[in-house]
N, C-alpha and C. Protein backbone atom coordinates (compact mmCIF):
# COMPACT_ATOMS: atom_id res chain seq x y z
N MET A 1 -16.25 4.33 -0.57
CA MET A 1 -16.70 5.58 -0.01
C MET A 1 -18.12 5.86 -0.48
N THR A 2 -18.94 6.23 0.46
CA THR A 2 -20.30 6.56 0.07
C THR A 2 -20.35 7.92 -0.62
N ASN A 3 -19.51 8.85 -0.17
CA ASN A 3 -19.41 10.12 -0.88
C ASN A 3 -18.13 10.10 -1.71
N ASP A 4 -18.00 11.04 -2.60
CA ASP A 4 -16.84 11.02 -3.49
C ASP A 4 -15.73 11.95 -3.00
N LYS A 5 -15.56 12.03 -1.70
CA LYS A 5 -14.50 12.85 -1.13
C LYS A 5 -13.18 12.10 -1.21
N LYS A 6 -12.13 12.83 -1.47
CA LYS A 6 -10.79 12.23 -1.46
C LYS A 6 -10.36 12.06 -0.01
N TYR A 7 -9.48 11.09 0.24
CA TYR A 7 -8.99 10.88 1.60
C TYR A 7 -8.33 12.15 2.13
N SER A 8 -7.66 12.89 1.26
CA SER A 8 -6.97 14.11 1.68
C SER A 8 -7.94 15.20 2.13
N GLU A 9 -9.19 15.09 1.73
CA GLU A 9 -10.19 16.08 2.10
C GLU A 9 -11.01 15.68 3.33
N MET A 10 -10.80 14.47 3.82
CA MET A 10 -11.59 13.95 4.94
C MET A 10 -11.02 14.35 6.29
N SER A 11 -11.91 14.50 7.25
CA SER A 11 -11.48 14.74 8.63
C SER A 11 -11.03 13.41 9.24
N GLU A 12 -10.41 13.47 10.41
CA GLU A 12 -9.97 12.24 11.07
C GLU A 12 -11.16 11.33 11.35
N TYR A 13 -12.27 11.91 11.78
CA TYR A 13 -13.48 11.13 12.05
C TYR A 13 -13.96 10.41 10.78
N GLU A 14 -13.99 11.15 9.68
CA GLU A 14 -14.43 10.56 8.41
C GLU A 14 -13.49 9.44 7.97
N LEU A 15 -12.19 9.65 8.16
CA LEU A 15 -11.21 8.61 7.81
C LEU A 15 -11.42 7.36 8.66
N ARG A 16 -11.62 7.54 9.96
CA ARG A 16 -11.85 6.39 10.85
C ARG A 16 -13.12 5.64 10.44
N THR A 17 -14.17 6.37 10.10
CA THR A 17 -15.42 5.75 9.65
C THR A 17 -15.19 4.98 8.35
N GLU A 18 -14.46 5.58 7.44
CA GLU A 18 -14.16 4.94 6.15
C GLU A 18 -13.33 3.67 6.37
N ILE A 19 -12.35 3.73 7.24
CA ILE A 19 -11.51 2.56 7.52
C ILE A 19 -12.35 1.43 8.10
N GLY A 20 -13.24 1.78 9.04
CA GLY A 20 -14.13 0.77 9.62
C GLY A 20 -15.01 0.11 8.56
N SER A 21 -15.55 0.92 7.68
CA SER A 21 -16.40 0.41 6.61
C SER A 21 -15.61 -0.51 5.67
N LEU A 22 -14.41 -0.09 5.30
CA LEU A 22 -13.57 -0.89 4.41
C LEU A 22 -13.15 -2.21 5.05
N MET A 23 -12.84 -2.17 6.34
CA MET A 23 -12.43 -3.40 7.04
C MET A 23 -13.61 -4.37 7.13
N GLU A 24 -14.81 -3.84 7.33
CA GLU A 24 -16.00 -4.69 7.37
C GLU A 24 -16.24 -5.33 6.00
N LYS A 25 -16.10 -4.55 4.93
CA LYS A 25 -16.24 -5.10 3.58
C LYS A 25 -15.18 -6.15 3.31
N ALA A 26 -13.95 -5.90 3.79
CA ALA A 26 -12.86 -6.87 3.61
C ALA A 26 -13.19 -8.17 4.34
N ARG A 27 -13.71 -8.06 5.56
CA ARG A 27 -14.06 -9.24 6.35
C ARG A 27 -15.12 -10.07 5.62
N LYS A 28 -16.15 -9.38 5.10
CA LYS A 28 -17.22 -10.08 4.37
C LYS A 28 -16.68 -10.74 3.11
N ALA A 29 -15.82 -10.04 2.39
CA ALA A 29 -15.24 -10.61 1.16
C ALA A 29 -14.41 -11.85 1.49
N GLU A 30 -13.66 -11.78 2.58
CA GLU A 30 -12.84 -12.93 2.99
C GLU A 30 -13.74 -14.12 3.34
N GLN A 31 -14.83 -13.88 4.06
CA GLN A 31 -15.75 -14.95 4.43
C GLN A 31 -16.38 -15.60 3.21
N MET A 32 -16.59 -14.81 2.17
CA MET A 32 -17.20 -15.34 0.96
C MET A 32 -16.15 -15.93 0.01
N GLY A 33 -14.88 -15.89 0.40
CA GLY A 33 -13.82 -16.47 -0.42
C GLY A 33 -13.40 -15.62 -1.59
N MET A 34 -13.74 -14.34 -1.54
CA MET A 34 -13.38 -13.42 -2.64
C MET A 34 -12.06 -12.74 -2.27
N ILE A 35 -10.99 -13.46 -2.49
CA ILE A 35 -9.66 -13.03 -2.06
C ILE A 35 -9.21 -11.74 -2.73
N ASN A 36 -9.47 -11.59 -4.02
CA ASN A 36 -9.06 -10.36 -4.72
C ASN A 36 -9.77 -9.14 -4.16
N GLU A 37 -11.07 -9.28 -3.91
CA GLU A 37 -11.85 -8.18 -3.36
C GLU A 37 -11.36 -7.86 -1.94
N PHE A 38 -11.06 -8.90 -1.18
CA PHE A 38 -10.52 -8.73 0.18
C PHE A 38 -9.24 -7.89 0.13
N ALA A 39 -8.34 -8.23 -0.79
CA ALA A 39 -7.06 -7.52 -0.91
C ALA A 39 -7.27 -6.05 -1.29
N VAL A 40 -8.25 -5.78 -2.16
CA VAL A 40 -8.53 -4.41 -2.58
C VAL A 40 -9.01 -3.58 -1.39
N TYR A 41 -9.93 -4.12 -0.59
CA TYR A 41 -10.43 -3.40 0.57
C TYR A 41 -9.33 -3.19 1.62
N GLN A 42 -8.47 -4.17 1.78
CA GLN A 42 -7.35 -4.04 2.73
C GLN A 42 -6.43 -2.90 2.30
N ARG A 43 -6.11 -2.83 1.02
CA ARG A 43 -5.23 -1.77 0.51
C ARG A 43 -5.87 -0.40 0.62
N LYS A 44 -7.17 -0.32 0.34
CA LYS A 44 -7.87 0.96 0.47
C LYS A 44 -7.84 1.43 1.92
N ALA A 45 -8.05 0.52 2.87
CA ALA A 45 -8.01 0.87 4.29
C ALA A 45 -6.61 1.33 4.67
N LEU A 46 -5.61 0.67 4.14
CA LEU A 46 -4.22 1.05 4.41
C LEU A 46 -3.93 2.46 3.89
N MET A 47 -4.44 2.79 2.72
CA MET A 47 -4.24 4.14 2.18
C MET A 47 -4.97 5.18 3.04
N ALA A 48 -6.17 4.86 3.49
CA ALA A 48 -6.90 5.78 4.36
C ALA A 48 -6.13 6.00 5.66
N LYS A 49 -5.54 4.94 6.21
CA LYS A 49 -4.72 5.06 7.42
C LYS A 49 -3.52 5.96 7.17
N SER A 50 -2.98 5.91 5.96
CA SER A 50 -1.81 6.73 5.63
C SER A 50 -2.13 8.22 5.71
N TYR A 51 -3.39 8.58 5.50
CA TYR A 51 -3.79 9.99 5.60
C TYR A 51 -3.99 10.44 7.04
N MET A 52 -3.93 9.50 7.98
CA MET A 52 -4.03 9.85 9.39
C MET A 52 -2.64 9.99 10.03
N ILE A 53 -1.61 9.75 9.25
CA ILE A 53 -0.23 9.83 9.73
C ILE A 53 0.43 11.07 9.16
N ASP A 54 1.13 11.79 10.01
CA ASP A 54 1.87 12.97 9.58
C ASP A 54 3.11 12.50 8.82
N PRO A 55 3.24 12.84 7.54
CA PRO A 55 4.41 12.40 6.77
C PRO A 55 5.73 12.87 7.39
N ALA A 56 5.70 13.93 8.17
CA ALA A 56 6.92 14.43 8.81
C ALA A 56 7.48 13.44 9.82
N THR A 57 6.68 12.47 10.25
CA THR A 57 7.16 11.47 11.21
C THR A 57 8.00 10.39 10.52
N ILE A 58 7.96 10.34 9.20
CA ILE A 58 8.77 9.38 8.43
C ILE A 58 10.00 10.14 7.95
N ILE A 59 11.15 9.70 8.40
CA ILE A 59 12.39 10.43 8.14
C ILE A 59 13.24 9.71 7.09
N PRO A 60 13.52 10.40 5.97
CA PRO A 60 14.40 9.80 4.96
C PRO A 60 15.75 9.44 5.58
N GLY A 61 16.26 8.27 5.19
CA GLY A 61 17.52 7.77 5.73
C GLY A 61 17.33 6.82 6.89
N GLU A 62 16.14 6.82 7.50
CA GLU A 62 15.85 5.94 8.63
C GLU A 62 15.39 4.57 8.13
N ILE A 63 15.47 3.60 9.04
CA ILE A 63 15.04 2.24 8.74
C ILE A 63 13.78 1.95 9.56
N TYR A 64 12.80 1.31 8.90
CA TYR A 64 11.52 1.00 9.53
C TYR A 64 11.17 -0.47 9.34
N ARG A 65 10.39 -1.01 10.27
CA ARG A 65 9.81 -2.34 10.10
C ARG A 65 8.65 -2.20 9.12
N ILE A 66 8.35 -3.28 8.41
CA ILE A 66 7.20 -3.28 7.51
C ILE A 66 6.08 -4.05 8.22
N GLU A 67 4.98 -3.35 8.46
CA GLU A 67 3.85 -3.96 9.14
C GLU A 67 3.34 -5.15 8.33
N GLY A 68 3.14 -6.26 8.99
CA GLY A 68 2.63 -7.45 8.32
C GLY A 68 3.69 -8.28 7.62
N ASP A 69 4.94 -7.86 7.69
CA ASP A 69 6.03 -8.60 7.05
C ASP A 69 7.14 -8.76 8.10
N GLU A 70 6.93 -9.69 9.00
CA GLU A 70 7.80 -9.89 10.16
C GLU A 70 9.27 -10.07 9.77
N GLY A 71 10.12 -9.32 10.43
CA GLY A 71 11.56 -9.45 10.22
C GLY A 71 12.08 -8.76 8.97
N VAL A 72 11.25 -8.02 8.26
CA VAL A 72 11.69 -7.32 7.06
C VAL A 72 11.76 -5.83 7.37
N PHE A 73 12.85 -5.22 6.94
CA PHE A 73 13.07 -3.80 7.21
C PHE A 73 13.15 -3.02 5.90
N PHE A 74 12.81 -1.75 5.99
CA PHE A 74 12.72 -0.88 4.81
C PHE A 74 13.48 0.40 5.10
N LYS A 75 14.40 0.76 4.21
CA LYS A 75 15.14 2.02 4.35
C LYS A 75 14.50 3.05 3.43
N VAL A 76 14.06 4.16 4.04
CA VAL A 76 13.38 5.22 3.30
C VAL A 76 14.41 6.15 2.68
N ASP A 77 14.30 6.35 1.38
CA ASP A 77 15.15 7.31 0.68
C ASP A 77 14.48 8.68 0.60
N TYR A 78 13.19 8.69 0.27
CA TYR A 78 12.45 9.96 0.19
C TYR A 78 10.96 9.69 0.26
N LEU A 79 10.20 10.74 0.50
CA LEU A 79 8.74 10.67 0.55
C LEU A 79 8.16 11.39 -0.65
N LYS A 80 7.06 10.86 -1.14
CA LYS A 80 6.31 11.53 -2.20
C LYS A 80 4.84 11.28 -1.89
N GLY A 81 4.17 12.32 -1.46
CA GLY A 81 2.78 12.17 -1.05
C GLY A 81 2.70 11.31 0.20
N ARG A 82 1.87 10.31 0.16
CA ARG A 82 1.69 9.40 1.31
C ARG A 82 2.46 8.11 1.12
N PHE A 83 3.46 8.13 0.25
CA PHE A 83 4.29 6.96 0.00
C PHE A 83 5.74 7.23 0.39
N ALA A 84 6.36 6.21 0.97
CA ALA A 84 7.78 6.26 1.28
C ALA A 84 8.48 5.43 0.19
N TRP A 85 9.45 6.03 -0.45
CA TRP A 85 10.23 5.35 -1.48
C TRP A 85 11.56 4.92 -0.89
N GLY A 86 11.96 3.71 -1.22
CA GLY A 86 13.22 3.19 -0.72
C GLY A 86 13.37 1.74 -1.14
N TYR A 87 14.00 0.95 -0.26
CA TYR A 87 14.22 -0.46 -0.59
C TYR A 87 14.23 -1.31 0.67
N ARG A 88 13.94 -2.58 0.49
CA ARG A 88 13.96 -3.55 1.59
C ARG A 88 15.40 -3.96 1.85
N LEU A 89 15.76 -4.03 3.10
CA LEU A 89 17.12 -4.44 3.46
C LEU A 89 17.28 -5.93 3.24
N GLY A 90 18.45 -6.34 2.78
CA GLY A 90 18.73 -7.75 2.55
C GLY A 90 18.22 -8.24 1.21
N GLY A 91 17.60 -7.39 0.46
CA GLY A 91 17.06 -7.79 -0.84
C GLY A 91 17.96 -7.32 -1.97
N GLU A 92 17.37 -7.16 -3.12
CA GLU A 92 18.11 -6.76 -4.31
C GLU A 92 18.27 -5.25 -4.42
N ARG A 93 17.84 -4.53 -3.40
CA ARG A 93 17.87 -3.07 -3.38
C ARG A 93 17.07 -2.47 -4.53
N ALA A 94 15.97 -3.15 -4.86
CA ALA A 94 15.08 -2.63 -5.89
C ALA A 94 14.21 -1.55 -5.25
N GLU A 95 14.17 -0.38 -5.88
CA GLU A 95 13.38 0.71 -5.33
C GLU A 95 11.89 0.40 -5.42
N GLU A 96 11.18 0.67 -4.33
CA GLU A 96 9.74 0.49 -4.32
C GLU A 96 9.11 1.53 -3.41
N ALA A 97 7.81 1.67 -3.51
CA ALA A 97 7.08 2.63 -2.68
C ALA A 97 6.11 1.88 -1.79
N LEU A 98 6.06 2.28 -0.53
CA LEU A 98 5.11 1.70 0.42
C LEU A 98 4.27 2.81 1.03
N PRO A 99 2.97 2.56 1.24
CA PRO A 99 2.18 3.55 1.96
C PRO A 99 2.78 3.76 3.35
N ILE A 100 2.80 4.99 3.82
CA ILE A 100 3.46 5.26 5.10
C ILE A 100 2.81 4.55 6.28
N ALA A 101 1.56 4.13 6.14
CA ALA A 101 0.90 3.40 7.22
C ALA A 101 1.50 2.01 7.41
N MET A 102 2.26 1.52 6.45
CA MET A 102 2.89 0.21 6.57
C MET A 102 4.19 0.25 7.36
N LEU A 103 4.69 1.44 7.64
CA LEU A 103 5.99 1.56 8.29
C LEU A 103 5.85 1.73 9.80
N GLU A 104 6.64 0.96 10.53
CA GLU A 104 6.67 1.04 11.99
C GLU A 104 8.10 1.38 12.40
N THR A 105 8.23 2.32 13.32
CA THR A 105 9.56 2.72 13.75
C THR A 105 10.28 1.56 14.45
N VAL A 106 11.57 1.45 14.24
CA VAL A 106 12.37 0.41 14.85
C VAL A 106 12.76 0.83 16.26
N LYS A 107 12.84 2.12 16.51
CA LYS A 107 13.38 2.65 17.76
C LYS A 107 12.48 2.41 18.97
N LYS A 108 11.19 2.16 18.78
CA LYS A 108 10.27 1.96 19.89
C LYS A 108 10.51 0.65 20.61
N GLY A 109 11.10 -0.31 19.94
CA GLY A 109 11.25 -1.64 20.52
C GLY A 109 10.03 -2.47 20.20
N LYS A 110 10.01 -3.70 20.70
CA LYS A 110 8.90 -4.59 20.39
C LYS A 110 7.84 -4.34 21.40
């Protein structure tokens, strides 16, 4: 971020601009082979996207697809901030938190 504004204080336009900037930095880092830096920019962009989603659209008890993890589903137990807490289906049922931007509704179809 060029300014020190929190994502929660940004307008939708500012968030979109920030996401574009982060994705460009991620692309450059990937081209230069800086995988760790690439991953950091990707996660920051994902968090910024989470602030563009209304948390009320994520319903505790529902099952969601995990974006970028084909065939893996996540059951949401509760929300805390911009994170959904729950567990991956078919796994060890270990509780984890995912940014809400990673969740895709199952009900829409493919």
